[in-house]
Amino acid sequence: MAAVINMSSVYKSGGIPSVLARNSSWIDCSDIEGCRRYCDSDAWAEIGRRCAGIPVEDVHFIDSGDYHYLSLLWILKIDKPFVLIVFDHHTDAQAPAFEGLISCGGWVEEAVEKNPRLEHAYIIGCRRDHGGDAPVTNPKITLLDHLTEITSLPDLPVYLSIDKDVLAGLPSDWDNGDMPLEELLDGVASLRDRLLAVDICGECTREGIKLHERVNELITNTLNYDFHKRENPDPARTDAG
């Protein structure tokens, strides 16, 4: 089971991998205004209303990186201790440029600040110069080049968020990282048995839809996990810890 949140109509253009065409929930939000990159309160309320039936324990496909802040829809509902691991070429941990707006560039910071059950956030693969962004100073957020640099991962369930712009050579609406696909898939596999939920974004709205479809399918197959069969993911240590 997966949930597909269509924000930009990219999935309608053929970007849904075949594995998602079966047994998936489809939520169309492409008609909602005021939600690209920055999301105002009215848009956030309407998106939340349409997605209210989607459980936290699921795989959520959330369109392009412009809408990565949608991770908050489920992260803010988690009521037990957990850690957040984000594969992303950008920190997504900046203070909001506009008061009262949720941002694709600041949702990690907001998640850490608003959900006290989130013990720590690790952002993997972000660019070293941060693209001119302000340094991340929150002690609950750690920036790393590789998942294997986490020397002691807390024995807690993991919310995994993947922005495919972290990958080398995959068309993106943003600038790309240099992570090989094999490294990302190895990381997903190493976390698989302790996952609480997963979201995936980074669809390219201009080109490479079929290539993205293949990457989505590879990630989904690597997960190979039914979140609804286990209420308490096994917190046993992984290859990353």
Protein backbone atom coordinates (compact mmCIF):
# COMPACT_ATOMS: atom_id res chain seq x y z
CA MET A 1 0.00 0.00 0.00
CA ALA A 2 1.26 3.49 -0.82
CA ALA A 3 -0.17 6.98 -0.95
CA VAL A 4 0.42 9.28 -3.94
CA ILE A 5 -0.07 13.01 -3.33
CA ASN A 6 -0.36 14.75 -6.69
CA MET A 7 0.60 18.41 -6.32
CA SER A 8 1.88 19.44 -9.77
CA SER A 9 0.24 16.90 -12.10
CA VAL A 10 3.63 15.22 -12.66
CA TYR A 11 2.18 11.85 -11.71
CA LYS A 12 -0.66 12.38 -14.16
CA SER A 13 2.01 12.78 -16.84
CA GLY A 14 3.05 9.17 -16.37
CA GLY A 15 5.33 9.36 -13.37
CA ILE A 16 3.59 6.73 -11.28
CA PRO A 17 5.64 3.53 -11.32
CA SER A 18 3.67 0.41 -12.08
CA VAL A 19 4.15 -0.82 -8.54
CA LEU A 20 2.20 2.22 -7.32
CA ALA A 21 -0.57 1.89 -9.86
CA ARG A 22 -1.74 -1.11 -7.85
CA ASN A 23 -3.15 -0.82 -4.33
CA SER A 24 -2.31 2.85 -3.85
CA SER A 25 -4.28 5.77 -2.45
CA TRP A 26 -4.46 8.73 -4.81
CA ILE A 27 -4.92 12.27 -3.47
CA ASP A 28 -5.11 15.04 -6.07
CA CYS A 29 -4.11 18.45 -4.70
CA SER A 30 -2.99 19.98 -8.00
CA ASP A 31 -5.80 22.55 -7.93
CA ILE A 32 -4.77 24.04 -4.57
CA GLU A 33 -3.14 27.47 -4.81
CA GLY A 34 -0.53 28.98 -2.51
CA CYS A 35 1.47 25.81 -1.90
CA ARG A 36 4.46 25.66 -4.28
CA ARG A 37 7.73 25.89 -2.30
CA TYR A 38 5.93 27.95 0.34
CA CYS A 39 2.59 26.92 1.78
CA ASP A 40 0.15 29.37 3.33
CA SER A 41 -2.27 28.49 6.11
CA ASP A 42 -5.32 28.10 3.87
CA ALA A 43 -3.51 25.74 1.49
CA TRP A 44 -2.05 23.76 4.40
CA ALA A 45 -5.48 23.31 5.93
CA GLU A 46 -6.95 22.08 2.64
CA ILE A 47 -4.07 19.68 1.95
CA GLY A 48 -4.42 18.34 5.47
CA ARG A 49 -8.15 17.84 4.99
CA ARG A 50 -7.66 15.87 1.77
CA CYS A 51 -4.87 13.75 3.24
CA ALA A 52 -6.53 13.15 6.60
CA GLY A 53 -7.24 9.49 5.83
CA ILE A 54 -3.64 8.60 4.96
CA PRO A 55 -1.95 6.81 7.88
CA VAL A 56 1.49 7.73 9.14
CA GLU A 57 2.65 4.13 8.70
CA ASP A 58 2.82 4.12 4.93
CA VAL A 59 4.92 5.04 1.92
CA HIS A 60 4.03 8.57 0.81
CA PHE A 61 4.95 9.83 -2.66
CA ILE A 62 4.81 13.61 -2.41
CA ASP A 63 5.68 14.98 -5.87
CA SER A 64 8.62 17.32 -6.60
CA GLY A 65 11.02 18.77 -4.05
CA ASP A 66 8.92 21.93 -4.07
CA TYR A 67 6.53 20.08 -1.77
CA HIS A 68 8.97 18.31 0.55
CA TYR A 69 7.34 20.14 3.46
CA LEU A 70 4.46 17.65 3.12
CA SER A 71 6.57 15.34 5.30
CA LEU A 72 5.24 17.42 8.19
CA LEU A 73 1.72 16.11 7.60
CA TRP A 74 2.76 12.80 9.13
CA ILE A 75 5.78 13.73 11.25
CA LEU A 76 3.71 16.07 13.41
CA LYS A 77 1.27 13.22 14.15
CA ILE A 78 3.88 10.83 15.56
CA ASP A 79 3.37 10.51 19.31
CA LYS A 80 6.25 8.22 20.31
CA PRO A 81 10.02 8.78 20.28
CA PHE A 82 11.60 8.48 16.82
CA VAL A 83 14.43 9.74 14.66
CA LEU A 84 14.24 11.39 11.25
CA ILE A 85 16.65 10.44 8.47
CA VAL A 86 16.53 12.57 5.33
CA PHE A 87 18.37 11.88 2.08
CA ASP A 88 18.53 15.31 0.43
CA HIS A 89 20.97 17.50 -1.49
CA HIS A 90 19.68 20.50 0.49
CA THR A 91 19.52 21.02 4.24
CA ASP A 92 15.80 21.91 4.34
CA ALA A 93 16.55 23.31 7.80
CA GLN A 94 16.48 27.05 7.23
CA ALA A 95 14.47 29.56 9.22
CA PRO A 96 11.39 30.69 7.26
CA ALA A 97 11.92 33.69 5.02
CA PHE A 98 8.27 34.67 5.48
CA GLU A 99 6.55 34.45 8.84
CA GLY A 100 3.61 32.06 8.98
CA LEU A 101 4.52 30.10 5.85
CA ILE A 102 5.72 26.50 5.73
CA SER A 103 8.71 26.12 3.42
CA CYS A 104 10.27 23.29 1.44
CA GLY A 105 13.59 24.76 2.60
CA GLY A 106 12.77 24.80 6.31
CA TRP A 107 10.51 21.88 7.13
CA VAL A 108 13.19 19.85 8.99
CA GLU A 109 13.78 22.73 11.39
CA GLU A 110 10.03 23.02 11.89
CA ALA A 111 9.68 19.28 12.52
CA VAL A 112 12.36 19.37 15.21
CA GLU A 113 10.85 22.43 16.85
CA LYS A 114 7.21 21.33 16.77
CA ASN A 115 7.35 17.62 17.60
CA PRO A 116 9.12 16.99 20.92
CA ARG A 117 9.01 13.25 20.23
CA LEU A 118 11.51 13.72 17.40
CA GLU A 119 14.79 12.92 19.12
CA HIS A 120 17.19 13.79 16.30
CA ALA A 121 17.27 14.52 12.56
CA TYR A 122 20.08 13.38 10.25
CA ILE A 123 20.32 14.95 6.78
CA ILE A 124 22.39 12.78 4.46
CA GLY A 125 24.05 13.93 1.22
CA CYS A 126 23.46 17.68 1.44
CA ARG A 127 25.87 19.92 -0.48
CA ARG A 128 28.91 21.03 1.47
CA ASP A 129 28.59 24.74 0.72
CA HIS A 130 24.84 24.66 1.49
CA GLY A 131 24.28 26.89 -1.55
CA GLY A 132 24.63 30.07 0.43
CA ASP A 133 22.12 28.98 3.06
CA ALA A 134 22.76 29.92 6.66
CA PRO A 135 24.62 27.28 8.68
CA VAL A 136 22.46 24.77 10.52
CA THR A 137 22.99 25.35 14.23
CA ASN A 138 20.16 23.35 15.81
CA PRO A 139 21.85 20.69 18.00
CA LYS A 140 19.12 18.20 17.10
CA ILE A 141 20.03 18.32 13.39
CA THR A 142 23.19 16.67 12.01
CA LEU A 143 24.43 17.05 8.42
CA LEU A 144 26.39 14.13 6.96
CA ASP A 145 27.71 13.04 3.58
CA HIS A 146 26.85 9.36 4.04
CA LEU A 147 24.46 7.34 6.19
CA THR A 148 27.36 5.16 7.34
CA GLU A 149 28.80 8.18 9.18
CA ILE A 150 26.13 7.74 11.86
CA THR A 151 28.21 5.90 14.44
CA SER A 152 25.47 5.44 17.01
CA LEU A 153 21.91 5.53 15.72
CA PRO A 154 19.41 5.69 18.62
CA ASP A 155 17.41 2.52 19.16
CA LEU A 156 14.21 4.15 17.95
CA PRO A 157 11.88 3.83 14.96
CA VAL A 158 12.92 5.83 11.91
CA TYR A 159 10.90 8.16 9.73
CA LEU A 160 12.73 8.09 6.39
CA SER A 161 12.37 10.95 3.91
CA ILE A 162 13.98 10.76 0.46
CA ASP A 163 14.43 13.65 -1.96
CA LYS A 164 15.78 12.13 -5.15
CA ASP A 165 17.76 15.29 -5.95
CA VAL A 166 20.43 13.71 -3.72
CA LEU A 167 21.19 11.31 -6.59
CA ALA A 168 23.81 11.83 -9.26
CA GLY A 169 22.61 11.95 -12.87
CA LEU A 170 18.87 11.94 -12.20
CA PRO A 171 16.96 14.88 -13.76
CA SER A 172 15.72 17.25 -11.08
CA ASP A 173 13.86 20.53 -10.69
CA TRP A 174 16.73 21.50 -8.36
CA ASP A 175 20.49 20.99 -8.49
CA ASN A 176 21.65 17.43 -7.99
CA GLY A 177 23.91 15.74 -5.49
CA ASP A 178 26.48 13.10 -6.28
CA MET A 179 25.15 10.07 -4.41
CA PRO A 180 25.10 6.85 -6.46
CA LEU A 181 21.73 5.12 -6.63
CA GLU A 182 23.31 1.98 -5.16
CA GLU A 183 24.31 3.91 -2.03
CA LEU A 184 20.78 5.19 -1.54
CA LEU A 185 19.29 1.72 -2.01
CA ASP A 186 21.82 0.21 0.40
CA GLY A 187 20.84 2.83 2.95
CA VAL A 188 17.14 2.08 2.51
CA ALA A 189 17.82 -1.64 2.92
CA SER A 190 19.88 -1.10 6.08
CA LEU A 191 17.01 0.83 7.71
CA ARG A 192 14.18 -1.32 6.43
CA ASP A 193 13.39 -3.29 9.58
CA ARG A 194 13.09 -0.27 11.83
CA LEU A 195 11.07 2.07 9.61
CA LEU A 196 8.03 3.82 10.97
CA ALA A 197 7.13 5.49 7.66
CA VAL A 198 8.67 6.70 4.42
CA ASP A 199 8.09 9.59 2.07
CA ILE A 200 9.65 10.09 -1.35
CA CYS A 201 9.83 13.29 -3.41
CA GLY A 202 12.05 14.85 -6.05
CA GLU A 203 9.98 14.08 -9.13
CA CYS A 204 11.14 16.11 -12.13
CA THR A 205 8.30 18.04 -13.72
CA ARG A 206 10.21 18.72 -16.96
CA GLU A 207 11.96 15.54 -18.10
CA GLY A 208 13.13 12.08 -17.17
CA ILE A 209 9.73 10.83 -16.03
CA LYS A 210 10.40 7.25 -17.09
CA LEU A 211 13.77 7.26 -15.35
CA HIS A 212 12.15 8.54 -12.17
CA GLU A 213 9.51 5.85 -12.53
CA ARG A 214 12.26 3.23 -12.51
CA VAL A 215 14.00 4.77 -9.48
CA ASN A 216 10.70 4.93 -7.58
CA GLU A 217 10.11 1.28 -8.31
CA LEU A 218 13.61 0.30 -7.17
CA ILE A 219 13.16 2.18 -3.90
CA THR A 220 9.74 0.62 -3.34
CA ASN A 221 11.05 -2.86 -4.07
CA THR A 222 13.97 -2.30 -1.70
CA LEU A 223 11.59 -1.30 1.06
CA ASN A 224 9.66 -4.56 0.61
CA TYR A 225 7.80 -3.73 3.78
CA ASP A 226 4.18 -3.71 4.87
CA PHE A 227 3.94 -0.99 7.51
CA HIS A 228 0.46 -2.11 8.50
CA LYS A 229 1.54 -5.58 9.68
CA ARG A 230 3.70 -4.33 12.54
CA GLU A 231 2.74 -1.59 14.97
CA ASN A 232 6.19 -1.49 16.57
CA PRO A 233 9.09 -1.68 14.08
CA ASP A 234 12.03 -3.64 15.36
CA PRO A 235 14.51 -1.16 16.87
CA ALA A 236 17.44 -3.55 16.47
CA ARG A 237 20.65 -1.92 15.33
CA THR A 238 21.28 -1.66 11.61
CA ASP A 239 24.23 -1.40 9.29
CA ALA A 240 24.11 2.34 9.88
CA GLY A 241 24.49 2.11 13.63
